[in-house]
Amino acid sequence: MSKNCELCALVRSIDDAPALRAAGATRIYLDVIDAQPAPELLARVAEEGVIPVLDEVCREADHARVDPWLRGGMPAAVGNVSELALAHECGALVETRSCIPVHNTSTLRLIGDLGARLAWLSPELSLDEACELARADALPLGVTVYGRPRIMTCEHCALQVAYDCNRDHAHCPHRGEAHWLVNIDDRALPVRTDACGRSRIYLDEPLDLVPYATNLAEAGVARLLVDAASTSVDEACDALARLRRALAGESVERHGIEGLAQTGVE
């Protein structure tokens, strides 16, 4: 059963794809939140078989940046229902990101009716809940087994608290620097701000379900993903190596938390 799982990786740059493929990923996802859909990049994504992962926020002004990634017969992962509808309309091979929450089989069937071919499960689900949904066989499922979960998306730039802001977010000299939001229990939560001035806040430690890969595979999960966008390429390659060993029946150690319920993040 475990051999039927496809190993996937999420990258922030298409240039990172070869390293993840060499580590064992056969399906590469590209975070395009900060990428403009230039013709040369669209062509390269198609040529290399990379799947664009679209924004979870799409206001009217965002359509010119987001919509071109959805193309008939080409795969994409969408983060909101409006883009799911557009993907279905244009014939894209669409998957739903974990920010479109699916916590029961009724929702899985509904998004399947709306055109989704696969749903990525929320990191808020427990291992048992993920396995239960997979066994229901309502829609093919994917699970991120290694990566820092996104705690929240803030539509306003969090960096404005620390720096003067001229509202030219795309050319902000601070966006490329490392920043953290320290919460009430002194957790330093990484902050990433995009060119639209939206900040995404991530957990300070990775969620690691790699030791439970066989449980997920045997329950029927179709794709297992390691996240090199919220961690690093080296960490993701290490996670892929552990993932391959786990699916081969070896015992592997855990390099992070088992679930969000353990953290008590406020």
C-alpha atoms as a PDB file:
ATOM      1  CA  MET A   1       0.000   0.000   0.000  1.00  0.00           C
ATOM      2  CA  SER A   2       2.738   2.464   0.943  1.00  0.00           C
ATOM      3  CA  LYS A   3       4.350   2.140  -2.447  1.00  0.00           C
ATOM      4  CA  ASN A   4       1.290   3.815  -3.985  1.00  0.00           C
ATOM      5  CA  CYS A   5       2.022   7.101  -2.181  1.00  0.00           C
ATOM      6  CA  GLU A   6       3.555   9.798  -4.340  1.00  0.00           C
ATOM      7  CA  LEU A   7       6.343  11.765  -2.659  1.00  0.00           C
ATOM      8  CA  CYS A   8       5.995  15.518  -3.156  1.00  0.00           C
ATOM      9  CA  ALA A   9       7.883  18.673  -2.256  1.00  0.00           C
ATOM     10  CA  LEU A  10       6.944  22.351  -2.106  1.00  0.00           C
ATOM     11  CA  VAL A  11       9.587  24.905  -3.132  1.00  0.00           C
ATOM     12  CA  ARG A  12       9.759  28.692  -3.231  1.00  0.00           C
ATOM     13  CA  SER A  13      12.026  28.741  -6.298  1.00  0.00           C
ATOM     14  CA  ILE A  14      11.836  26.533  -9.345  1.00  0.00           C
ATOM     15  CA  ASP A  15      15.634  26.311  -9.192  1.00  0.00           C
ATOM     16  CA  ASP A  16      15.290  24.255  -5.985  1.00  0.00           C
ATOM     17  CA  ALA A  17      13.331  21.530  -7.771  1.00  0.00           C
ATOM     18  CA  PRO A  18      16.345  19.432  -8.924  1.00  0.00           C
ATOM     19  CA  ALA A  19      17.649  19.024  -5.360  1.00  0.00           C
ATOM     20  CA  LEU A  20      14.254  17.808  -4.115  1.00  0.00           C
ATOM     21  CA  ARG A  21      13.857  15.466  -7.076  1.00  0.00           C
ATOM     22  CA  ALA A  22      17.301  14.026  -6.375  1.00  0.00           C
ATOM     23  CA  ALA A  23      16.194  13.440  -2.769  1.00  0.00           C
ATOM     24  CA  GLY A  24      13.192  11.405  -3.928  1.00  0.00           C
ATOM     25  CA  ALA A  25      10.304  13.771  -4.696  1.00  0.00           C
ATOM     26  CA  THR A  26       8.524  12.876  -7.918  1.00  0.00           C
ATOM     27  CA  ARG A  27       6.013  15.733  -7.821  1.00  0.00           C
ATOM     28  CA  ILE A  28       7.163  19.318  -7.251  1.00  0.00           C
ATOM     29  CA  TYR A  29       4.905  22.162  -6.153  1.00  0.00           C
ATOM     30  CA  LEU A  30       5.962  25.797  -6.594  1.00  0.00           C
ATOM     31  CA  ASP A  31       4.798  28.548  -4.238  1.00  0.00           C
ATOM     32  CA  VAL A  32       3.912  31.335  -6.706  1.00  0.00           C
ATOM     33  CA  ILE A  33       2.592  33.874  -4.178  1.00  0.00           C
ATOM     34  CA  ASP A  34       5.513  36.190  -4.974  1.00  0.00           C
ATOM     35  CA  ALA A  35       5.958  35.147  -8.611  1.00  0.00           C
ATOM     36  CA  GLN A  36       4.589  37.077 -11.560  1.00  0.00           C
ATOM     37  CA  PRO A  37       3.083  34.827 -14.272  1.00  0.00           C
ATOM     38  CA  ALA A  38       5.560  35.894 -16.930  1.00  0.00           C
ATOM     39  CA  PRO A  39       5.371  33.852 -20.162  1.00  0.00           C
ATOM     40  CA  GLU A  40       8.865  32.420 -19.707  1.00  0.00           C
ATOM     41  CA  LEU A  41       8.075  31.198 -16.162  1.00  0.00           C
ATOM     42  CA  LEU A  42       4.722  29.753 -17.229  1.00  0.00           C
ATOM     43  CA  ALA A  43       6.504  27.899 -20.029  1.00  0.00           C
ATOM     44  CA  ARG A  44       9.187  26.562 -17.689  1.00  0.00           C
ATOM     45  CA  VAL A  45       6.620  25.416 -15.134  1.00  0.00           C
ATOM     46  CA  ALA A  46       4.793  23.482 -17.851  1.00  0.00           C
ATOM     47  CA  GLU A  47       7.986  22.057 -19.351  1.00  0.00           C
ATOM     48  CA  GLU A  48       9.346  20.832 -16.020  1.00  0.00           C
ATOM     49  CA  GLY A  49       6.006  19.496 -14.778  1.00  0.00           C
ATOM     50  CA  VAL A  50       5.917  21.765 -11.730  1.00  0.00           C
ATOM     51  CA  ILE A  51       2.548  22.473 -10.067  1.00  0.00           C
ATOM     52  CA  PRO A  52       1.873  26.118  -9.127  1.00  0.00           C
ATOM     53  CA  VAL A  53       0.461  26.705  -5.645  1.00  0.00           C
ATOM     54  CA  LEU A  54      -1.777  29.775  -5.679  1.00  0.00           C
ATOM     55  CA  ASP A  55      -2.535  32.378  -3.045  1.00  0.00           C
ATOM     56  CA  GLU A  56      -5.105  31.767  -0.313  1.00  0.00           C
ATOM     57  CA  VAL A  57      -6.279  35.389  -0.735  1.00  0.00           C
ATOM     58  CA  CYS A  58      -7.684  36.745  -4.006  1.00  0.00           C
ATOM     59  CA  ARG A  59      -9.178  40.218  -4.088  1.00  0.00           C
ATOM     60  CA  GLU A  60     -10.315  41.855  -7.320  1.00  0.00           C
ATOM     61  CA  ALA A  61      -6.889  43.431  -7.822  1.00  0.00           C
ATOM     62  CA  ASP A  62      -5.183  40.033  -7.458  1.00  0.00           C
ATOM     63  CA  HIS A  63      -6.805  38.316 -10.435  1.00  0.00           C
ATOM     64  CA  ALA A  64      -4.266  39.569 -12.975  1.00  0.00           C
ATOM     65  CA  ARG A  65      -1.497  37.969 -10.889  1.00  0.00           C
ATOM     66  CA  VAL A  66      -3.307  34.773  -9.886  1.00  0.00           C
ATOM     67  CA  ASP A  67      -5.611  33.720 -12.745  1.00  0.00           C
ATOM     68  CA  PRO A  68      -2.948  33.111 -15.464  1.00  0.00           C
ATOM     69  CA  TRP A  69      -1.599  30.153 -13.484  1.00  0.00           C
ATOM     70  CA  LEU A  70      -4.849  28.274 -14.179  1.00  0.00           C
ATOM     71  CA  ARG A  71      -4.676  26.702 -17.640  1.00  0.00           C
ATOM     72  CA  GLY A  72      -6.713  24.007 -19.309  1.00  0.00           C
ATOM     73  CA  GLY A  73      -5.210  20.541 -18.910  1.00  0.00           C
ATOM     74  CA  MET A  74      -2.492  21.798 -16.549  1.00  0.00           C
ATOM     75  CA  PRO A  75      -2.290  21.038 -12.800  1.00  0.00           C
ATOM     76  CA  ALA A  76      -2.559  23.702 -10.094  1.00  0.00           C
ATOM     77  CA  ALA A  77      -3.323  23.911  -6.380  1.00  0.00           C
ATOM     78  CA  VAL A  78      -5.753  26.654  -5.349  1.00  0.00           C
ATOM     79  CA  GLY A  79      -6.270  28.274  -1.961  1.00  0.00           C
ATOM     80  CA  ASN A  80      -9.807  29.625  -2.197  1.00  0.00           C
ATOM     81  CA  VAL A  81     -13.171  28.647  -3.628  1.00  0.00           C
ATOM     82  CA  SER A  82     -13.322  31.401  -6.267  1.00  0.00           C
ATOM     83  CA  GLU A  83     -10.119  30.116  -7.880  1.00  0.00           C
ATOM     84  CA  LEU A  84     -11.467  26.562  -7.596  1.00  0.00           C
ATOM     85  CA  ALA A  85     -14.494  27.661  -9.610  1.00  0.00           C
ATOM     86  CA  LEU A  86     -12.307  29.357 -12.231  1.00  0.00           C
ATOM     87  CA  ALA A  87     -10.059  26.297 -12.450  1.00  0.00           C
ATOM     88  CA  HIS A  88     -13.066  24.067 -13.071  1.00  0.00           C
ATOM     89  CA  GLU A  89     -14.371  26.478 -15.696  1.00  0.00           C
ATOM     90  CA  CYS A  90     -11.111  26.566 -17.655  1.00  0.00           C
ATOM     91  CA  GLY A  91     -10.412  22.824 -17.356  1.00  0.00           C
ATOM     92  CA  ALA A  92      -7.363  22.967 -15.077  1.00  0.00           C
ATOM     93  CA  LEU A  93      -6.373  19.805 -13.195  1.00  0.00           C
ATOM     94  CA  VAL A  94      -7.035  21.380  -9.844  1.00  0.00           C
ATOM     95  CA  GLU A  95      -6.199  20.427  -6.269  1.00  0.00           C
ATOM     96  CA  THR A  96      -7.271  22.316  -3.151  1.00  0.00           C
ATOM     97  CA  ARG A  97      -4.765  23.578  -0.614  1.00  0.00           C
ATOM     98  CA  SER A  98      -5.131  22.874   3.083  1.00  0.00           C
ATOM     99  CA  CYS A  99      -6.416  26.431   3.656  1.00  0.00           C
ATOM    100  CA  ILE A 100      -9.701  25.271   2.097  1.00  0.00           C
ATOM    101  CA  PRO A 101     -10.621  23.240   5.192  1.00  0.00           C
ATOM    102  CA  VAL A 102     -12.058  19.762   4.746  1.00  0.00           C
ATOM    103  CA  HIS A 103     -12.922  18.137   8.048  1.00  0.00           C
ATOM    104  CA  ASN A 104     -15.599  15.670   6.884  1.00  0.00           C
ATOM    105  CA  THR A 105     -16.571  13.522   3.925  1.00  0.00           C
ATOM    106  CA  SER A 106     -19.460  15.801   2.938  1.00  0.00           C
ATOM    107  CA  THR A 107     -17.025  18.639   2.273  1.00  0.00           C
ATOM    108  CA  LEU A 108     -14.717  16.344   0.340  1.00  0.00           C
ATOM    109  CA  ARG A 109     -17.568  15.272  -1.918  1.00  0.00           C
ATOM    110  CA  LEU A 110     -18.649  18.888  -2.382  1.00  0.00           C
ATOM    111  CA  ILE A 111     -15.252  20.161  -3.500  1.00  0.00           C
ATOM    112  CA  GLY A 112     -14.983  17.099  -5.716  1.00  0.00           C
ATOM    113  CA  ASP A 113     -18.252  18.130  -7.354  1.00  0.00           C
ATOM    114  CA  LEU A 114     -16.738  21.612  -7.797  1.00  0.00           C
ATOM    115  CA  GLY A 115     -13.856  20.147  -9.760  1.00  0.00           C
ATOM    116  CA  ALA A 116     -11.172  19.261  -7.227  1.00  0.00           C
ATOM    117  CA  ARG A 117      -9.201  16.125  -8.084  1.00  0.00           C
ATOM    118  CA  LEU A 118      -7.384  15.989  -4.746  1.00  0.00           C
ATOM    119  CA  ALA A 119      -7.572  17.805  -1.402  1.00  0.00           C
ATOM    120  CA  TRP A 120      -4.627  18.624   0.840  1.00  0.00           C
ATOM    121  CA  LEU A 121      -5.630  18.172   4.461  1.00  0.00           C
ATOM    122  CA  SER A 122      -5.302  20.817   7.161  1.00  0.00           C
ATOM    123  CA  PRO A 123      -2.461  20.452   9.688  1.00  0.00           C
ATOM    124  CA  GLU A 124      -5.112  21.074  12.345  1.00  0.00           C
ATOM    125  CA  LEU A 125      -6.350  17.499  11.848  1.00  0.00           C
ATOM    126  CA  SER A 126      -4.937  14.743  14.005  1.00  0.00           C
ATOM    127  CA  LEU A 127      -3.274  11.710  12.483  1.00  0.00           C
ATOM    128  CA  ASP A 128      -6.333   9.598  13.316  1.00  0.00           C
ATOM    129  CA  GLU A 129      -8.681  12.137  11.687  1.00  0.00           C
ATOM    130  CA  ALA A 130      -6.556  12.245   8.524  1.00  0.00           C
ATOM    131  CA  CYS A 131      -6.534   8.450   8.298  1.00  0.00           C
ATOM    132  CA  GLU A 132     -10.290   8.295   8.863  1.00  0.00           C
ATOM    133  CA  LEU A 133     -10.936  10.716   5.982  1.00  0.00           C
ATOM    134  CA  ALA A 134      -8.573   8.777   3.729  1.00  0.00           C
ATOM    135  CA  ARG A 135     -10.328   5.500   4.460  1.00  0.00           C
ATOM    136  CA  ALA A 136     -13.672   7.104   3.533  1.00  0.00           C
ATOM    137  CA  ASP A 137     -12.400   7.246  -0.064  1.00  0.00           C
ATOM    138  CA  ALA A 138     -14.504  10.337  -0.876  1.00  0.00           C
ATOM    139  CA  LEU A 139     -11.664  12.118  -2.750  1.00  0.00           C
ATOM    140  CA  PRO A 140      -7.915  11.501  -3.125  1.00  0.00           C
ATOM    141  CA  LEU A 141      -6.022  13.195  -0.302  1.00  0.00           C
ATOM    142  CA  GLY A 142      -2.611  14.682   0.320  1.00  0.00           C
ATOM    143  CA  VAL A 143      -0.899  15.335   3.654  1.00  0.00           C
ATOM    144  CA  THR A 144       2.084  17.536   4.440  1.00  0.00           C
ATOM    145  CA  VAL A 145       4.295  15.334   6.584  1.00  0.00           C
ATOM    146  CA  TYR A 146       7.056  17.873   7.208  1.00  0.00           C
ATOM    147  CA  GLY A 147       6.968  21.658   7.352  1.00  0.00           C
ATOM    148  CA  ARG A 148       6.063  24.676   9.460  1.00  0.00           C
ATOM    149  CA  PRO A 149       2.282  25.183   9.408  1.00  0.00           C
ATOM    150  CA  ARG A 150       0.938  28.640   8.550  1.00  0.00           C
ATOM    151  CA  ILE A 151      -0.744  29.977  11.687  1.00  0.00           C
ATOM    152  CA  MET A 152      -2.447  32.919   9.999  1.00  0.00           C
ATOM    153  CA  THR A 153      -2.422  35.306   7.046  1.00  0.00           C
ATOM    154  CA  CYS A 154      -2.568  39.010   7.866  1.00  0.00           C
ATOM    155  CA  GLU A 155      -3.812  41.257   5.068  1.00  0.00           C
ATOM    156  CA  HIS A 156      -1.705  44.083   6.498  1.00  0.00           C
ATOM    157  CA  CYS A 157       2.081  44.042   6.501  1.00  0.00           C
ATOM    158  CA  ALA A 158       3.361  43.115   9.947  1.00  0.00           C
ATOM    159  CA  LEU A 159       6.668  44.864   9.213  1.00  0.00           C
ATOM    160  CA  GLN A 160       4.972  48.271   9.441  1.00  0.00           C
ATOM    161  CA  VAL A 161       5.217  47.937  13.212  1.00  0.00           C
ATOM    162  CA  ALA A 162       9.014  47.984  13.036  1.00  0.00           C
ATOM    163  CA  TYR A 163       9.777  50.195  10.013  1.00  0.00           C
ATOM    164  CA  ASP A 164       8.594  53.293   8.198  1.00  0.00           C
ATOM    165  CA  CYS A 165       6.398  52.226   5.274  1.00  0.00           C
ATOM    166  CA  ASN A 166       5.870  54.007   1.958  1.00  0.00           C
ATOM    167  CA  ARG A 167       3.306  51.375   0.828  1.00  0.00           C
ATOM    168  CA  ASP A 168       5.620  50.191  -1.979  1.00  0.00           C
ATOM    169  CA  HIS A 169       5.582  46.635  -0.668  1.00  0.00           C
ATOM    170  CA  ALA A 170       7.066  45.070  -3.795  1.00  0.00           C
ATOM    171  CA  HIS A 171      10.291  47.044  -3.360  1.00  0.00           C
ATOM    172  CA  CYS A 172      10.473  47.008   0.444  1.00  0.00           C
ATOM    173  CA  PRO A 173      14.126  46.555   1.505  1.00  0.00           C
ATOM    174  CA  HIS A 174      13.073  44.626   4.626  1.00  0.00           C
ATOM    175  CA  ARG A 175      10.933  41.856   3.102  1.00  0.00           C
ATOM    176  CA  GLY A 176      13.940  39.662   2.332  1.00  0.00           C
ATOM    177  CA  GLU A 177      15.221  39.802   5.903  1.00  0.00           C
ATOM    178  CA  ALA A 178      14.329  37.316   8.624  1.00  0.00           C
ATOM    179  CA  HIS A 179      11.566  38.475  10.974  1.00  0.00           C
ATOM    180  CA  TRP A 180       9.673  36.919  13.855  1.00  0.00           C
ATOM    181  CA  LEU A 181       6.514  37.733  15.751  1.00  0.00           C
ATOM    182  CA  VAL A 182       6.973  36.997  19.461  1.00  0.00           C
ATOM    183  CA  ASN A 183       3.678  35.849  20.956  1.00  0.00           C
ATOM    184  CA  ILE A 184       2.386  35.765  24.508  1.00  0.00           C
ATOM    185  CA  ASP A 185       4.362  32.646  25.480  1.00  0.00           C
ATOM    186  CA  ASP A 186       7.617  33.921  23.929  1.00  0.00           C
ATOM    187  CA  ARG A 187       7.410  31.791  20.819  1.00  0.00           C
ATOM    188  CA  ALA A 188       9.293  33.445  17.950  1.00  0.00           C
ATOM    189  CA  LEU A 189       6.960  32.807  15.002  1.00  0.00           C
ATOM    190  CA  PRO A 190       8.551  33.367  11.562  1.00  0.00           C
ATOM    191  CA  VAL A 191       6.913  36.089   9.448  1.00  0.00           C
ATOM    192  CA  ARG A 192       7.017  36.203   5.652  1.00  0.00           C
ATOM    193  CA  THR A 193       5.606  39.252   3.865  1.00  0.00           C
ATOM    194  CA  ASP A 194       4.776  39.166   0.156  1.00  0.00           C
ATOM    195  CA  ALA A 195       4.926  41.835  -2.534  1.00  0.00           C
ATOM    196  CA  CYS A 196       1.267  42.712  -1.922  1.00  0.00           C
ATOM    197  CA  GLY A 197       1.976  43.630   1.701  1.00  0.00           C
ATOM    198  CA  ARG A 198       0.379  40.522   3.224  1.00  0.00           C
ATOM    199  CA  SER A 199       2.188  38.841   6.081  1.00  0.00           C
ATOM    200  CA  ARG A 200       2.049  35.117   6.765  1.00  0.00           C
ATOM    201  CA  ILE A 201       2.922  33.855  10.207  1.00  0.00           C
ATOM    202  CA  TYR A 202       4.270  30.338  10.676  1.00  0.00           C
ATOM    203  CA  LEU A 203       4.781  28.022  13.610  1.00  0.00           C
ATOM    204  CA  ASP A 204       8.264  28.236  15.133  1.00  0.00           C
ATOM    205  CA  GLU A 205       8.900  24.501  14.786  1.00  0.00           C
ATOM    206  CA  PRO A 206       8.057  22.001  12.066  1.00  0.00           C
ATOM    207  CA  LEU A 207       5.230  19.528  12.175  1.00  0.00           C
ATOM    208  CA  ASP A 208       6.729  16.103  11.500  1.00  0.00           C
ATOM    209  CA  LEU A 209       4.515  13.162  10.585  1.00  0.00           C
ATOM    210  CA  VAL A 210       7.262  11.302   8.731  1.00  0.00           C
ATOM    211  CA  PRO A 211       7.428   8.491  11.341  1.00  0.00           C
ATOM    212  CA  TYR A 212       3.726   7.859  10.692  1.00  0.00           C
ATOM    213  CA  ALA A 213       3.999   7.744   6.899  1.00  0.00           C
ATOM    214  CA  THR A 214       3.026   4.084   6.711  1.00  0.00           C
ATOM    215  CA  ASN A 215      -0.140   4.797   8.752  1.00  0.00           C
ATOM    216  CA  LEU A 216      -1.153   7.456   6.244  1.00  0.00           C
ATOM    217  CA  ALA A 217      -0.218   5.331   3.246  1.00  0.00           C
ATOM    218  CA  GLU A 218      -2.071   2.270   4.503  1.00  0.00           C
ATOM    219  CA  ALA A 219      -5.163   4.411   5.149  1.00  0.00           C
ATOM    220  CA  GLY A 220      -5.108   5.429   1.483  1.00  0.00           C
ATOM    221  CA  VAL A 221      -3.472   8.888   1.420  1.00  0.00           C
ATOM    222  CA  ALA A 222      -2.345   9.469  -2.157  1.00  0.00           C
ATOM    223  CA  ARG A 223       0.411  12.083  -1.708  1.00  0.00           C
ATOM    224  CA  LEU A 224       2.846  12.925   1.067  1.00  0.00           C
ATOM    225  CA  LEU A 225       4.620  16.282   0.950  1.00  0.00           C
ATOM    226  CA  VAL A 226       7.666  17.882   2.545  1.00  0.00           C
ATOM    227  CA  ASP A 227       7.733  21.666   2.636  1.00  0.00           C
ATOM    228  CA  ALA A 228      10.961  23.373   1.570  1.00  0.00           C
ATOM    229  CA  ALA A 229       9.193  26.740   1.445  1.00  0.00           C
ATOM    230  CA  SER A 230       8.603  27.095   5.193  1.00  0.00           C
ATOM    231  CA  THR A 231      11.804  25.269   6.176  1.00  0.00           C
ATOM    232  CA  SER A 232      14.881  24.913   3.978  1.00  0.00           C
ATOM    233  CA  VAL A 233      15.947  22.774   1.051  1.00  0.00           C
ATOM    234  CA  ASP A 234      18.400  20.869   3.255  1.00  0.00           C
ATOM    235  CA  GLU A 235      15.745  20.164   5.887  1.00  0.00           C
ATOM    236  CA  ALA A 236      13.304  19.050   3.213  1.00  0.00           C
ATOM    237  CA  CYS A 237      15.866  16.740   1.606  1.00  0.00           C
ATOM    238  CA  ASP A 238      16.556  15.187   5.001  1.00  0.00           C
ATOM    239  CA  ALA A 239      12.809  14.754   5.547  1.00  0.00           C
ATOM    240  CA  LEU A 240      12.468  13.057   2.157  1.00  0.00           C
ATOM    241  CA  ALA A 241      15.278  10.655   3.024  1.00  0.00           C
ATOM    242  CA  ARG A 242      13.535   9.780   6.307  1.00  0.00           C
ATOM    243  CA  LEU A 243      10.218   9.498   4.477  1.00  0.00           C
ATOM    244  CA  ARG A 244      11.601   6.985   2.018  1.00  0.00           C
ATOM    245  CA  ARG A 245      13.034   4.927   4.871  1.00  0.00           C
ATOM    246  CA  ALA A 246       9.765   5.083   6.784  1.00  0.00           C
ATOM    247  CA  LEU A 247       7.770   3.855   3.792  1.00  0.00           C
ATOM    248  CA  ALA A 248      10.280   1.054   3.368  1.00  0.00           C
ATOM    249  CA  GLY A 249       9.384  -0.132   6.870  1.00  0.00           C
ATOM    250  CA  GLU A 250      12.268   1.369   8.846  1.00  0.00           C
ATOM    251  CA  SER A 251      11.787   3.135  12.162  1.00  0.00           C
ATOM    252  CA  VAL A 252      12.711   6.822  11.897  1.00  0.00           C
ATOM    253  CA  GLU A 253      12.944   9.532  14.525  1.00  0.00           C
ATOM    254  CA  ARG A 254      10.708  12.569  14.666  1.00  0.00           C
ATOM    255  CA  HIS A 255      12.271  16.023  14.066  1.00  0.00           C
ATOM    256  CA  GLY A 256       9.370  18.210  15.147  1.00  0.00           C
ATOM    257  CA  ILE A 257       5.951  18.192  16.740  1.00  0.00           C
ATOM    258  CA  GLU A 258       3.300  15.597  15.989  1.00  0.00           C
ATOM    259  CA  GLY A 259       0.372  18.000  15.743  1.00  0.00           C
ATOM    260  CA  LEU A 260      -0.769  21.588  16.234  1.00  0.00           C
ATOM    261  CA  ALA A 261      -2.764  20.616  19.317  1.00  0.00           C
ATOM    262  CA  GLN A 262       0.551  20.127  21.154  1.00  0.00           C
ATOM    263  CA  THR A 263       1.613  23.752  20.814  1.00  0.00           C
ATOM    264  CA  GLY A 264      -1.118  25.809  22.433  1.00  0.00           C
ATOM    265  CA  VAL A 265      -0.186  28.750  20.196  1.00  0.00           C
ATOM    266  CA  GLU A 266      -2.248  31.862  20.951  1.00  0.00           C
END
